[in-house]
PDB file of all heavy atoms in Angstrom:
ATOM      1  N   SER A   1     203.150 111.165 171.387  1.00  0.00           N
ATOM      2  CA  SER A   1     202.580 112.144 172.380  1.00  0.00           C
ATOM      3  C   SER A   1     202.631 113.558 171.822  1.00  0.00           C
ATOM      4  O   SER A   1     203.437 113.823 170.905  1.00  0.00           O
ATOM      5  CB  SER A   1     203.306 111.990 173.709  1.00  0.00           C
ATOM      6  OG  SER A   1     204.615 112.470 173.586  1.00  0.00           O
ATOM      7  N   VAL A   2     201.871 114.391 172.393  1.00  0.00           N
ATOM      8  CA  VAL A   2     201.990 115.871 172.005  1.00  0.00           C
ATOM      9  C   VAL A   2     203.348 116.388 172.358  1.00  0.00           C
ATOM     10  O   VAL A   2     203.852 117.131 171.486  1.00  0.00           O
ATOM     11  CB  VAL A   2     200.844 116.622 172.818  1.00  0.00           C
ATOM     12  CG1 VAL A   2     201.068 118.166 172.549  1.00  0.00           C
ATOM     13  CG2 VAL A   2     199.461 116.286 172.418  1.00  0.00           C
ATOM     14  N   ALA A   3     203.901 116.000 173.461  1.00  0.00           N
ATOM     15  CA  ALA A   3     205.239 116.469 173.845  1.00  0.00           C
ATOM     16  C   ALA A   3     206.205 115.909 172.764  1.00  0.00           C
ATOM     17  O   ALA A   3     207.256 116.764 172.369  1.00  0.00           O
ATOM     18  CB  ALA A   3     205.669 116.005 175.128  1.00  0.00           C
ATOM     19  N   LYS A   4     206.150 114.770 172.305  1.00  0.00           N
ATOM     20  CA  LYS A   4     207.062 114.261 171.325  1.00  0.00           C
ATOM     21  C   LYS A   4     206.866 114.926 169.959  1.00  0.00           C
ATOM     22  O   LYS A   4     207.805 115.287 169.247  1.00  0.00           O
ATOM     23  CB  LYS A   4     206.861 112.720 171.182  1.00  0.00           C
ATOM     24  CG  LYS A   4     207.769 112.085 170.100  1.00  0.00           C
ATOM     25  CD  LYS A   4     209.258 112.167 170.557  1.00  0.00           C
ATOM     26  CE  LYS A   4     210.060 111.389 169.587  1.00  0.00           C
ATOM     27  NZ  LYS A   4     211.543 111.483 169.950  1.00  0.00           N
ATOM     28  N   LEU A   5     205.636 115.218 169.719  1.00  0.00           N
ATOM     29  CA  LEU A   5     205.343 115.937 168.348  1.00  0.00           C
ATOM     30  C   LEU A   5     205.952 117.281 168.446  1.00  0.00           C
ATOM     31  O   LEU A   5     206.535 117.781 167.442  1.00  0.00           O
ATOM     32  CB  LEU A   5     203.844 115.950 168.208  1.00  0.00           C
ATOM     33  CG  LEU A   5     203.215 114.596 167.717  1.00  0.00           C
ATOM     34  CD1 LEU A   5     201.623 114.753 167.790  1.00  0.00           C
ATOM     35  CD2 LEU A   5     203.553 114.316 166.349  1.00  0.00           C
ATOM     36  N   GLU A   6     205.766 117.958 169.576  1.00  0.00           N
ATOM     37  CA  GLU A   6     206.339 119.281 169.653  1.00  0.00           C
ATOM     38  C   GLU A   6     207.868 119.316 169.488  1.00  0.00           C
ATOM     39  O   GLU A   6     208.375 120.162 168.739  1.00  0.00           O
ATOM     40  CB  GLU A   6     206.016 119.925 170.976  1.00  0.00           C
ATOM     41  CG  GLU A   6     204.539 120.324 171.130  1.00  0.00           C
ATOM     42  CD  GLU A   6     204.327 120.894 172.535  1.00  0.00           C
ATOM     43  OE1 GLU A   6     205.178 120.758 173.467  1.00  0.00           O
ATOM     44  OE2 GLU A   6     203.225 121.442 172.793  1.00  0.00           O
ATOM     45  N   LYS A   7     208.526 118.302 170.014  1.00  0.00           N
ATOM     46  CA  LYS A   7     209.985 118.202 169.883  1.00  0.00           C
ATOM     47  C   LYS A   7     210.395 117.912 168.453  1.00  0.00           C
ATOM     48  O   LYS A   7     211.396 118.439 168.006  1.00  0.00           O
ATOM     49  CB  LYS A   7     210.478 117.086 170.826  1.00  0.00           C
ATOM     50  CG  LYS A   7     212.038 116.925 170.884  1.00  0.00           C
ATOM     51  CD  LYS A   7     212.436 115.919 171.766  1.00  0.00           C
ATOM     52  CE  LYS A   7     213.903 115.714 171.805  1.00  0.00           C
ATOM     53  NZ  LYS A   7     214.357 114.695 172.799  1.00  0.00           N
ATOM     54  N   LEU A   8     209.631 117.078 167.702  1.00  0.00           N
ATOM     55  CA  LEU A   8     209.911 116.746 166.411  1.00  0.00           C
ATOM     56  C   LEU A   8     209.766 117.934 165.422  1.00  0.00           C
ATOM     57  O   LEU A   8     210.589 118.062 164.396  1.00  0.00           O
ATOM     58  CB  LEU A   8     209.136 115.544 165.914  1.00  0.00           C
ATOM     59  CG  LEU A   8     209.349 114.156 166.551  1.00  0.00           C
ATOM     60  CD1 LEU A   8     208.368 113.238 166.279  1.00  0.00           C
ATOM     61  CD2 LEU A   8     210.780 113.630 166.033  1.00  0.00           C
ATOM     62  N   ILE A   9     208.701 118.674 165.611  1.00  0.00           N
ATOM     63  CA  ILE A   9     208.404 119.753 164.629  1.00  0.00           C
ATOM     64  C   ILE A   9     208.966 121.113 164.968  1.00  0.00           C
ATOM     65  O   ILE A   9     209.066 121.992 164.131  1.00  0.00           O
ATOM     66  CB  ILE A   9     206.878 119.809 164.397  1.00  0.00           C
ATOM     67  CG1 ILE A   9     206.142 120.398 165.550  1.00  0.00           C
ATOM     68  CG2 ILE A   9     206.267 118.428 163.959  1.00  0.00           C
ATOM     69  CD1 ILE A   9     204.667 120.590 165.401  1.00  0.00           C
ATOM     70  N   TYR A  10     209.436 121.266 166.169  1.00  0.00           N
ATOM     71  CA  TYR A  10     210.060 122.588 166.629  1.00  0.00           C
ATOM     72  C   TYR A  10     211.148 122.875 165.651  1.00  0.00           C
ATOM     73  O   TYR A  10     211.977 121.901 165.234  1.00  0.00           O
ATOM     74  CB  TYR A  10     210.539 122.624 168.030  1.00  0.00           C
ATOM     75  CG  TYR A  10     211.247 123.758 168.429  1.00  0.00           C
ATOM     76  CD1 TYR A  10     210.495 124.842 168.879  1.00  0.00           C
ATOM     77  CD2 TYR A  10     212.611 123.862 168.449  1.00  0.00           C
ATOM     78  CE1 TYR A  10     211.110 126.068 169.370  1.00  0.00           C
ATOM     79  CE2 TYR A  10     213.256 124.950 168.866  1.00  0.00           C
ATOM     80  CZ  TYR A  10     212.492 126.070 169.337  1.00  0.00           C
ATOM     81  OH  TYR A  10     213.092 127.230 169.670  1.00  0.00           O
ATOM     82  N   PRO A  11     211.424 124.074 165.152  1.00  0.00           N
ATOM     83  CA  PRO A  11     210.701 125.299 165.498  1.00  0.00           C
ATOM     84  C   PRO A  11     209.717 125.833 164.442  1.00  0.00           C
ATOM     85  O   PRO A  11     209.749 127.063 164.149  1.00  0.00           O
ATOM     86  CB  PRO A  11     212.015 126.308 165.615  1.00  0.00           C
ATOM     87  CG  PRO A  11     212.879 125.845 164.411  1.00  0.00           C
ATOM     88  CD  PRO A  11     212.694 124.372 164.376  1.00  0.00           C
ATOM     89  N   VAL A  12     208.926 125.082 163.821  1.00  0.00           N
ATOM     90  CA  VAL A  12     207.915 125.551 162.944  1.00  0.00           C
ATOM     91  C   VAL A  12     207.067 126.535 163.662  1.00  0.00           C
ATOM     92  O   VAL A  12     206.861 126.467 164.844  1.00  0.00           O
ATOM     93  CB  VAL A  12     207.117 124.437 162.267  1.00  0.00           C
ATOM     94  CG1 VAL A  12     207.985 123.501 161.446  1.00  0.00           C
ATOM     95  CG2 VAL A  12     206.268 123.708 163.334  1.00  0.00           C
ATOM     96  N   GLY A  13     206.444 127.477 162.922  1.00  0.00           N
ATOM     97  CA  GLY A  13     205.507 128.399 163.524  1.00  0.00           C
ATOM     98  C   GLY A  13     204.384 127.745 164.233  1.00  0.00           C
ATOM     99  O   GLY A  13     203.794 126.780 163.685  1.00  0.00           O
ATOM    100  N   PHE A  14     203.970 128.273 165.461  1.00  0.00           N
ATOM    101  CA  PHE A  14     202.783 127.737 166.101  1.00  0.00           C
ATOM    102  C   PHE A  14     202.932 126.270 166.405  1.00  0.00           C
ATOM    103  O   PHE A  14     201.960 125.529 166.234  1.00  0.00           O
ATOM    104  CB  PHE A  14     201.550 128.058 165.447  1.00  0.00           C
ATOM    105  CG  PHE A  14     201.301 129.567 165.112  1.00  0.00           C
ATOM    106  CD1 PHE A  14     201.728 130.141 163.936  1.00  0.00           C
ATOM    107  CD2 PHE A  14     200.758 130.408 166.101  1.00  0.00           C
ATOM    108  CE1 PHE A  14     201.617 131.452 163.663  1.00  0.00           C
ATOM    109  CE2 PHE A  14     200.600 131.756 165.798  1.00  0.00           C
ATOM    110  CZ  PHE A  14     200.968 132.291 164.588  1.00  0.00           C
ATOM    111  N   TYR A  15     204.106 125.798 166.784  1.00  0.00           N
ATOM    112  CA  TYR A  15     204.315 124.367 166.859  1.00  0.00           C
ATOM    113  C   TYR A  15     203.535 123.743 167.992  1.00  0.00           C
ATOM    114  O   TYR A  15     203.106 122.574 167.920  1.00  0.00           O
ATOM    115  CB  TYR A  15     205.854 124.031 167.101  1.00  0.00           C
ATOM    116  CG  TYR A  15     206.428 124.414 168.396  1.00  0.00           C
ATOM    117  CD1 TYR A  15     206.546 123.497 169.435  1.00  0.00           C
ATOM    118  CD2 TYR A  15     206.922 125.686 168.551  1.00  0.00           C
ATOM    119  CE1 TYR A  15     207.166 123.872 170.686  1.00  0.00           C
ATOM    120  CE2 TYR A  15     207.479 126.190 169.820  1.00  0.00           C
ATOM    121  CZ  TYR A  15     207.551 125.162 170.805  1.00  0.00           C
ATOM    122  OH  TYR A  15     208.095 125.500 172.055  1.00  0.00           O
ATOM    123  N   HIS A  16     203.181 124.452 169.076  1.00  0.00           N
ATOM    124  CA  HIS A  16     202.297 123.953 170.040  1.00  0.00           C
ATOM    125  C   HIS A  16     200.986 123.574 169.540  1.00  0.00           C
ATOM    126  O   HIS A  16     200.533 122.394 169.731  1.00  0.00           O
ATOM    127  CB  HIS A  16     202.081 124.925 171.265  1.00  0.00           C
ATOM    128  CG  HIS A  16     203.350 125.163 172.029  1.00  0.00           C
ATOM    129  ND1 HIS A  16     204.025 124.192 172.690  1.00  0.00           N
ATOM    130  CD2 HIS A  16     204.095 126.325 172.236  1.00  0.00           C
ATOM    131  CE1 HIS A  16     205.132 124.683 173.458  1.00  0.00           C
ATOM    132  NE2 HIS A  16     205.133 126.032 173.074  1.00  0.00           N
ATOM    133  N   ASP A  17     200.360 124.469 168.863  1.00  0.00           N
ATOM    134  CA  ASP A  17     199.012 124.255 168.188  1.00  0.00           C
ATOM    135  C   ASP A  17     199.139 123.101 167.251  1.00  0.00           C
ATOM    136  O   ASP A  17     198.177 122.210 167.132  1.00  0.00           O
ATOM    137  CB  ASP A  17     198.523 125.476 167.496  1.00  0.00           C
ATOM    138  CG  ASP A  17     198.194 126.569 168.589  1.00  0.00           C
ATOM    139  OD1 ASP A  17     197.889 126.280 169.714  1.00  0.00           O
ATOM    140  OD2 ASP A  17     198.204 127.786 168.182  1.00  0.00           O
ATOM    141  N   LYS A  18     200.099 123.139 166.271  1.00  0.00           N
ATOM    142  CA  LYS A  18     200.250 122.118 165.266  1.00  0.00           C
ATOM    143  C   LYS A  18     200.367 120.769 165.839  1.00  0.00           C
ATOM    144  O   LYS A  18     199.897 119.783 165.368  1.00  0.00           O
ATOM    145  CB  LYS A  18     201.371 122.485 164.290  1.00  0.00           C
ATOM    146  CG  LYS A  18     201.106 123.702 163.479  1.00  0.00           C
ATOM    147  CD  LYS A  18     202.244 124.141 162.663  1.00  0.00           C
ATOM    148  CE  LYS A  18     201.942 125.310 161.872  1.00  0.00           C
ATOM    149  NZ  LYS A  18     203.161 125.774 161.003  1.00  0.00           N
ATOM    150  N   ALA A  19     201.205 120.552 166.983  1.00  0.00           N
ATOM    151  CA  ALA A  19     201.247 119.367 167.619  1.00  0.00           C
ATOM    152  C   ALA A  19     200.021 118.768 168.166  1.00  0.00           C
ATOM    153  O   ALA A  19     199.652 117.583 167.926  1.00  0.00           O
ATOM    154  CB  ALA A  19     202.264 119.405 168.744  1.00  0.00           C
ATOM    155  N   ARG A  20     199.185 119.654 168.605  1.00  0.00           N
ATOM    156  CA  ARG A  20     197.865 119.308 169.126  1.00  0.00           C
ATOM    157  C   ARG A  20     196.950 118.804 167.996  1.00  0.00           C
ATOM    158  O   ARG A  20     196.169 117.887 168.065  1.00  0.00           O
ATOM    159  CB  ARG A  20     197.273 120.428 169.969  1.00  0.00           C
ATOM    160  CG  ARG A  20     197.817 120.666 171.368  1.00  0.00           C
ATOM    161  CD  ARG A  20     196.996 121.637 172.219  1.00  0.00           C
ATOM    162  NE  ARG A  20     196.954 122.905 171.634  1.00  0.00           N
ATOM    163  CZ  ARG A  20     195.968 123.422 170.954  1.00  0.00           C
ATOM    164  NH1 ARG A  20     194.880 122.740 170.678  1.00  0.00           N
ATOM    165  NH2 ARG A  20     195.908 124.721 170.403  1.00  0.00           N
ATOM    166  N   HIS A  21     197.043 119.635 166.916  1.00  0.00           N
ATOM    167  CA  HIS A  21     196.212 119.322 165.776  1.00  0.00           C
ATOM    168  C   HIS A  21     196.584 117.911 165.193  1.00  0.00           C
ATOM    169  O   HIS A  21     195.752 117.130 164.831  1.00  0.00           O
ATOM    170  CB  HIS A  21     196.348 120.408 164.634  1.00  0.00           C
ATOM    171  CG  HIS A  21     195.752 121.635 165.082  1.00  0.00           C
ATOM    172  ND1 HIS A  21     194.613 121.826 165.820  1.00  0.00           N
ATOM    173  CD2 HIS A  21     196.143 122.963 164.781  1.00  0.00           C
ATOM    174  CE1 HIS A  21     194.340 123.063 165.996  1.00  0.00           C
ATOM    175  NE2 HIS A  21     195.236 123.837 165.384  1.00  0.00           N
ATOM    176  N   LEU A  22     197.918 117.704 165.020  1.00  0.00           N
ATOM    177  CA  LEU A  22     198.383 116.421 164.529  1.00  0.00           C
ATOM    178  C   LEU A  22     198.036 115.261 165.391  1.00  0.00           C
ATOM    179  O   LEU A  22     197.677 114.198 164.940  1.00  0.00           O
ATOM    180  CB  LEU A  22     199.874 116.448 164.285  1.00  0.00           C
ATOM    181  CG  LEU A  22     200.375 117.484 163.193  1.00  0.00           C
ATOM    182  CD1 LEU A  22     201.991 117.529 163.180  1.00  0.00           C
ATOM    183  CD2 LEU A  22     199.914 116.918 161.827  1.00  0.00           C
ATOM    184  N   LYS A  23     198.050 115.432 166.684  1.00  0.00           N
ATOM    185  CA  LYS A  23     197.757 114.391 167.702  1.00  0.00           C
ATOM    186  C   LYS A  23     196.188 114.051 167.472  1.00  0.00           C
ATOM    187  O   LYS A  23     195.873 112.868 167.581  1.00  0.00           O
ATOM    188  CB  LYS A  23     198.051 114.827 169.106  1.00  0.00           C
ATOM    189  CG  LYS A  23     197.628 113.801 170.144  1.00  0.00           C
ATOM    190  CD  LYS A  23     198.548 112.473 170.010  1.00  0.00           C
ATOM    191  CE  LYS A  23     198.107 111.447 170.943  1.00  0.00           C
ATOM    192  NZ  LYS A  23     198.870 110.173 170.809  1.00  0.00           N
ATOM    193  N   ALA A  24     195.403 114.956 167.298  1.00  0.00           N
ATOM    194  CA  ALA A  24     193.975 114.838 167.183  1.00  0.00           C
ATOM    195  C   ALA A  24     193.510 114.297 165.767  1.00  0.00           C
ATOM    196  O   ALA A  24     192.524 113.713 165.657  1.00  0.00           O
ATOM    197  CB  ALA A  24     193.204 116.065 167.429  1.00  0.00           C
ATOM    198  N   LEU A  25     194.355 114.498 164.814  1.00  0.00           N
ATOM    199  CA  LEU A  25     194.049 114.197 163.368  1.00  0.00           C
ATOM    200  C   LEU A  25     193.604 112.823 163.239  1.00  0.00           C
ATOM    201  O   LEU A  25     192.473 112.511 162.609  1.00  0.00           O
ATOM    202  CB  LEU A  25     195.211 114.543 162.476  1.00  0.00           C
ATOM    203  CG  LEU A  25     195.034 114.337 160.992  1.00  0.00           C
ATOM    204  CD1 LEU A  25     193.776 115.115 160.535  1.00  0.00           C
ATOM    205  CD2 LEU A  25     196.250 114.715 160.257  1.00  0.00           C
ATOM    206  N   PRO A  26     194.295 111.674 163.610  1.00  0.00           N
ATOM    207  CA  PRO A  26     193.857 110.425 163.264  1.00  0.00           C
ATOM    208  C   PRO A  26     192.433 110.017 163.933  1.00  0.00           C
ATOM    209  O   PRO A  26     191.685 109.399 163.283  1.00  0.00           O
ATOM    210  CB  PRO A  26     194.897 109.473 164.109  1.00  0.00           C
ATOM    211  CG  PRO A  26     196.123 110.370 164.097  1.00  0.00           C
ATOM    212  CD  PRO A  26     195.567 111.691 164.316  1.00  0.00           C
ATOM    213  N   ASP A  27     192.245 110.491 165.120  1.00  0.00           N
ATOM    214  CA  ASP A  27     190.944 110.206 165.743  1.00  0.00           C
ATOM    215  C   ASP A  27     189.777 110.895 165.063  1.00  0.00           C
ATOM    216  O   ASP A  27     188.644 110.297 164.745  1.00  0.00           O
ATOM    217  CB  ASP A  27     190.871 110.584 167.227  1.00  0.00           C
ATOM    218  CG  ASP A  27     191.702 109.612 168.075  1.00  0.00           C
ATOM    219  OD1 ASP A  27     192.078 108.534 167.571  1.00  0.00           O
ATOM    220  OD2 ASP A  27     192.105 110.045 169.196  1.00  0.00           O
ATOM    221  N   VAL A  28     189.975 112.154 164.694  1.00  0.00           N
ATOM    222  CA  VAL A  28     188.871 112.883 163.949  1.00  0.00           C
ATOM    223  C   VAL A  28     188.707 112.170 162.535  1.00  0.00           C
ATOM    224  O   VAL A  28     187.549 112.206 162.115  1.00  0.00           O
ATOM    225  CB  VAL A  28     189.281 114.386 163.854  1.00  0.00           C
ATOM    226  CG1 VAL A  28     188.151 115.140 162.996  1.00  0.00           C
ATOM    227  CG2 VAL A  28     189.461 115.032 165.158  1.00  0.00           C
ATOM    228  N   LEU A  29     189.775 111.898 161.874  1.00  0.00           N
ATOM    229  CA  LEU A  29     189.698 111.152 160.637  1.00  0.00           C
ATOM    230  C   LEU A  29     188.832 109.924 160.702  1.00  0.00           C
ATOM    231  O   LEU A  29     188.006 109.640 159.857  1.00  0.00           O
ATOM    232  CB  LEU A  29     191.124 110.830 160.072  1.00  0.00           C
ATOM    233  CG  LEU A  29     191.178 110.420 158.668  1.00  0.00           C
ATOM    234  CD1 LEU A  29     190.713 111.396 157.704  1.00  0.00           C
ATOM    235  CD2 LEU A  29     192.729 110.062 158.337  1.00  0.00           C
ATOM    236  N   ASP A  30     189.031 109.135 161.736  1.00  0.00           N
ATOM    237  CA  ASP A  30     188.271 107.975 162.049  1.00  0.00           C
ATOM    238  C   ASP A  30     186.729 108.290 162.168  1.00  0.00           C
ATOM    239  O   ASP A  30     185.898 107.657 161.689  1.00  0.00           O
ATOM    240  CB  ASP A  30     188.802 107.159 163.261  1.00  0.00           C
ATOM    241  CG  ASP A  30     190.034 106.345 162.879  1.00  0.00           C
ATOM    242  OD1 ASP A  30     190.361 106.214 161.684  1.00  0.00           O
ATOM    243  OD2 ASP A  30     190.617 105.825 163.748  1.00  0.00           O
ATOM    244  N   GLU A  31     186.486 109.300 163.194  1.00  0.00           N
ATOM    245  CA  GLU A  31     185.179 109.494 163.542  1.00  0.00           C
ATOM    246  C   GLU A  31     184.339 110.137 162.376  1.00  0.00           C
ATOM    247  O   GLU A  31     183.180 109.760 162.292  1.00  0.00           O
ATOM    248  CB  GLU A  31     185.241 110.525 164.689  1.00  0.00           C
ATOM    249  CG  GLU A  31     185.775 110.007 165.981  1.00  0.00           C
ATOM    250  CD  GLU A  31     186.092 111.212 166.958  1.00  0.00           C
ATOM    251  OE1 GLU A  31     185.773 112.351 166.693  1.00  0.00           O
ATOM    252  OE2 GLU A  31     186.746 110.837 168.036  1.00  0.00           O
ATOM    253  N   LYS A  32     184.909 110.993 161.569  1.00  0.00           N
ATOM    254  CA  LYS A  32     184.156 111.739 160.555  1.00  0.00           C
ATOM    255  C   LYS A  32     184.199 110.961 159.222  1.00  0.00           C
ATOM    256  O   LYS A  32     183.202 111.032 158.411  1.00  0.00           O
ATOM    257  CB  LYS A  32     184.700 113.133 160.392  1.00  0.00           C
ATOM    258  CG  LYS A  32     184.451 113.976 161.575  1.00  0.00           C
ATOM    259  CD  LYS A  32     184.885 115.425 161.213  1.00  0.00           C
ATOM    260  CE  LYS A  32     184.652 116.430 162.336  1.00  0.00           C
ATOM    261  NZ  LYS A  32     183.112 116.751 162.347  1.00  0.00           N
ATOM    262  N   PHE A  33     185.297 110.279 158.900  1.00  0.00           N
ATOM    263  CA  PHE A  33     185.413 109.772 157.522  1.00  0.00           C
ATOM    264  C   PHE A  33     185.841 108.321 157.501  1.00  0.00           C
ATOM    265  O   PHE A  33     186.367 107.803 156.436  1.00  0.00           O
ATOM    266  CB  PHE A  33     186.437 110.672 156.711  1.00  0.00           C
ATOM    267  CG  PHE A  33     186.113 112.084 156.742  1.00  0.00           C
ATOM    268  CD1 PHE A  33     186.770 113.009 157.441  1.00  0.00           C
ATOM    269  CD2 PHE A  33     184.971 112.516 155.929  1.00  0.00           C
ATOM    270  CE1 PHE A  33     186.424 114.353 157.424  1.00  0.00           C
ATOM    271  CE2 PHE A  33     184.602 113.869 155.913  1.00  0.00           C
ATOM    272  CZ  PHE A  33     185.274 114.708 156.678  1.00  0.00           C
ATOM    273  N   GLY A  34     185.724 107.575 158.570  1.00  0.00           N
ATOM    274  CA  GLY A  34     186.076 106.211 158.617  1.00  0.00           C
ATOM    275  C   GLY A  34     187.507 105.856 158.376  1.00  0.00           C
ATOM    276  O   GLY A  34     187.961 104.837 157.821  1.00  0.00           O
ATOM    277  N   GLY A  35     188.385 106.884 158.693  1.00  0.00           N
ATOM    278  CA  GLY A  35     189.763 106.597 158.562  1.00  0.00           C
ATOM    279  C   GLY A  35     190.256 106.933 157.087  1.00  0.00           C
ATOM    280  O   GLY A  35     191.549 106.787 156.859  1.00  0.00           O
ATOM    281  N   VAL A  36     189.473 107.267 156.207  1.00  0.00           N
ATOM    282  CA  VAL A  36     189.839 107.527 154.819  1.00  0.00           C
ATOM    283  C   VAL A  36     189.800 109.101 154.531  1.00  0.00           C
ATOM    284  O   VAL A  36     188.932 109.809 154.889  1.00  0.00           O
ATOM    285  CB  VAL A  36     188.824 106.931 153.849  1.00  0.00           C
ATOM    286  CG1 VAL A  36     189.279 107.250 152.370  1.00  0.00           C
ATOM    287  CG2 VAL A  36     188.705 105.489 154.016  1.00  0.00           C
ATOM    288  N   LEU A  37     191.042 109.492 154.133  1.00  0.00           N
ATOM    289  CA  LEU A  37     191.213 110.923 153.942  1.00  0.00           C
ATOM    290  C   LEU A  37     190.338 111.450 152.808  1.00  0.00           C
ATOM    291  O   LEU A  37     190.386 110.888 151.723  1.00  0.00           O
ATOM    292  CB  LEU A  37     192.712 111.236 153.571  1.00  0.00           C
ATOM    293  CG  LEU A  37     193.117 112.801 153.637  1.00  0.00           C
ATOM    294  CD1 LEU A  37     192.977 113.379 155.003  1.00  0.00           C
ATOM    295  CD2 LEU A  37     194.478 112.961 153.002  1.00  0.00           C
ATOM    296  N   PRO A  38     189.525 112.396 153.002  1.00  0.00           N
ATOM    297  CA  PRO A  38     188.638 112.948 152.020  1.00  0.00           C
ATOM    298  C   PRO A  38     189.366 113.701 150.987  1.00  0.00           C
ATOM    299  O   PRO A  38     190.430 114.256 151.213  1.00  0.00           O
ATOM    300  CB  PRO A  38     187.585 113.760 152.718  1.00  0.00           C
ATOM    301  CG  PRO A  38     188.307 114.275 154.000  1.00  0.00           C
ATOM    302  CD  PRO A  38     189.205 113.182 154.383  1.00  0.00           C
ATOM    303  N   ASN A  39     188.759 113.901 149.788  1.00  0.00           N
ATOM    304  CA  ASN A  39     189.409 114.668 148.760  1.00  0.00           C
ATOM    305  C   ASN A  39     188.737 115.893 148.307  1.00  0.00           C
ATOM    306  O   ASN A  39     188.908 116.328 147.144  1.00  0.00           O
ATOM    307  CB  ASN A  39     189.699 113.742 147.507  1.00  0.00           C
ATOM    308  CG  ASN A  39     188.465 113.300 146.913  1.00  0.00           C
ATOM    309  OD1 ASN A  39     187.307 113.643 147.281  1.00  0.00           O
ATOM    310  ND2 ASN A  39     188.639 112.454 145.861  1.00  0.00           N
ATOM    311  N   THR A  40     187.893 116.453 149.155  1.00  0.00           N
ATOM    312  CA  THR A  40     187.270 117.673 148.801  1.00  0.00           C
ATOM    313  C   THR A  40     187.689 118.758 149.900  1.00  0.00           C
ATOM    314  O   THR A  40     187.903 118.482 151.045  1.00  0.00           O
ATOM    315  CB  THR A  40     185.671 117.566 148.875  1.00  0.00           C
ATOM    316  OG1 THR A  40     185.281 117.392 150.197  1.00  0.00           O
ATOM    317  CG2 THR A  40     185.226 116.443 148.003  1.00  0.00           C
ATOM    318  N   VAL A  41     187.603 119.973 149.454  1.00  0.00           N
ATOM    319  CA  VAL A  41     188.092 121.105 150.260  1.00  0.00           C
ATOM    320  C   VAL A  41     187.151 121.238 151.585  1.00  0.00           C
ATOM    321  O   VAL A  41     187.712 121.317 152.593  1.00  0.00           O
ATOM    322  CB  VAL A  41     188.036 122.387 149.562  1.00  0.00           C
ATOM    323  CG1 VAL A  41     188.247 123.705 150.447  1.00  0.00           C
ATOM    324  CG2 VAL A  41     189.140 122.358 148.463  1.00  0.00           C
ATOM    325  N   GLU A  42     185.903 121.200 151.266  1.00  0.00           N
ATOM    326  CA  GLU A  42     184.884 121.285 152.347  1.00  0.00           C
ATOM    327  C   GLU A  42     185.122 120.269 153.427  1.00  0.00           C
ATOM    328  O   GLU A  42     185.018 120.542 154.645  1.00  0.00           O
ATOM    329  CB  GLU A  42     183.424 121.282 151.890  1.00  0.00           C
ATOM    330  CG  GLU A  42     183.073 122.487 151.031  1.00  0.00           C
ATOM    331  CD  GLU A  42     183.777 122.482 149.705  1.00  0.00           C
ATOM    332  OE1 GLU A  42     184.165 121.510 149.152  1.00  0.00           O
ATOM    333  OE2 GLU A  42     183.910 123.661 149.101  1.00  0.00           O
ATOM    334  N   GLU A  43     185.262 118.964 153.053  1.00  0.00           N
ATOM    335  CA  GLU A  43     185.512 117.863 154.028  1.00  0.00           C
ATOM    336  C   GLU A  43     186.813 117.971 154.778  1.00  0.00           C
ATOM    337  O   GLU A  43     186.834 117.739 155.955  1.00  0.00           O
ATOM    338  CB  GLU A  43     185.324 116.535 153.331  1.00  0.00           C
ATOM    339  CG  GLU A  43     183.861 116.144 152.877  1.00  0.00           C
ATOM    340  CD  GLU A  43     183.828 114.887 152.096  1.00  0.00           C
ATOM    341  OE1 GLU A  43     184.666 114.702 151.235  1.00  0.00           O
ATOM    342  OE2 GLU A  43     182.905 114.133 152.414  1.00  0.00           O
ATOM    343  N   LEU A  44     187.798 118.294 153.916  1.00  0.00           N
ATOM    344  CA  LEU A  44     189.195 118.484 154.644  1.00  0.00           C
ATOM    345  C   LEU A  44     189.164 119.525 155.689  1.00  0.00           C
ATOM    346  O   LEU A  44     189.941 119.394 156.717  1.00  0.00           O
ATOM    347  CB  LEU A  44     190.212 118.695 153.536  1.00  0.00           C
ATOM    348  CG  LEU A  44     190.703 117.475 152.683  1.00  0.00           C
ATOM    349  CD1 LEU A  44     191.445 118.035 151.416  1.00  0.00           C
ATOM    350  CD2 LEU A  44     191.458 116.527 153.482  1.00  0.00           C
ATOM    351  N   CYS A  45     188.310 120.519 155.530  1.00  0.00           N
ATOM    352  CA  CYS A  45     188.256 121.693 156.436  1.00  0.00           C
ATOM    353  C   CYS A  45     187.584 121.216 157.784  1.00  0.00           C
ATOM    354  O   CYS A  45     187.691 121.980 158.772  1.00  0.00           O
ATOM    355  CB  CYS A  45     187.493 122.845 155.855  1.00  0.00           C
ATOM    356  SG  CYS A  45     188.481 123.769 154.642  1.00  0.00           S
ATOM    357  N   GLU A  46     187.048 120.049 157.839  1.00  0.00           N
ATOM    358  CA  GLU A  46     186.544 119.605 159.097  1.00  0.00           C
ATOM    359  C   GLU A  46     187.612 118.943 159.971  1.00  0.00           C
ATOM    360  O   GLU A  46     187.305 118.495 161.098  1.00  0.00           O
ATOM    361  CB  GLU A  46     185.385 118.476 158.757  1.00  0.00           C
ATOM    362  CG  GLU A  46     184.178 118.996 158.017  1.00  0.00           C
ATOM    363  CD  GLU A  46     183.160 118.071 157.861  1.00  0.00           C
ATOM    364  OE1 GLU A  46     182.897 117.289 158.767  1.00  0.00           O
ATOM    365  OE2 GLU A  46     182.514 117.983 156.864  1.00  0.00           O
TER     366      GLU A  46
END
């Protein structure tokens, strides 16, 4: 969960935002790249 992620990564900078980004990462990776991490700068920035 986002709450669990926040607890795990605290006190890194902007940990609230980073927890939300990490929570969303798997779904966005599936939607945009079929679950495969891209290896170009432009695609990773998505």
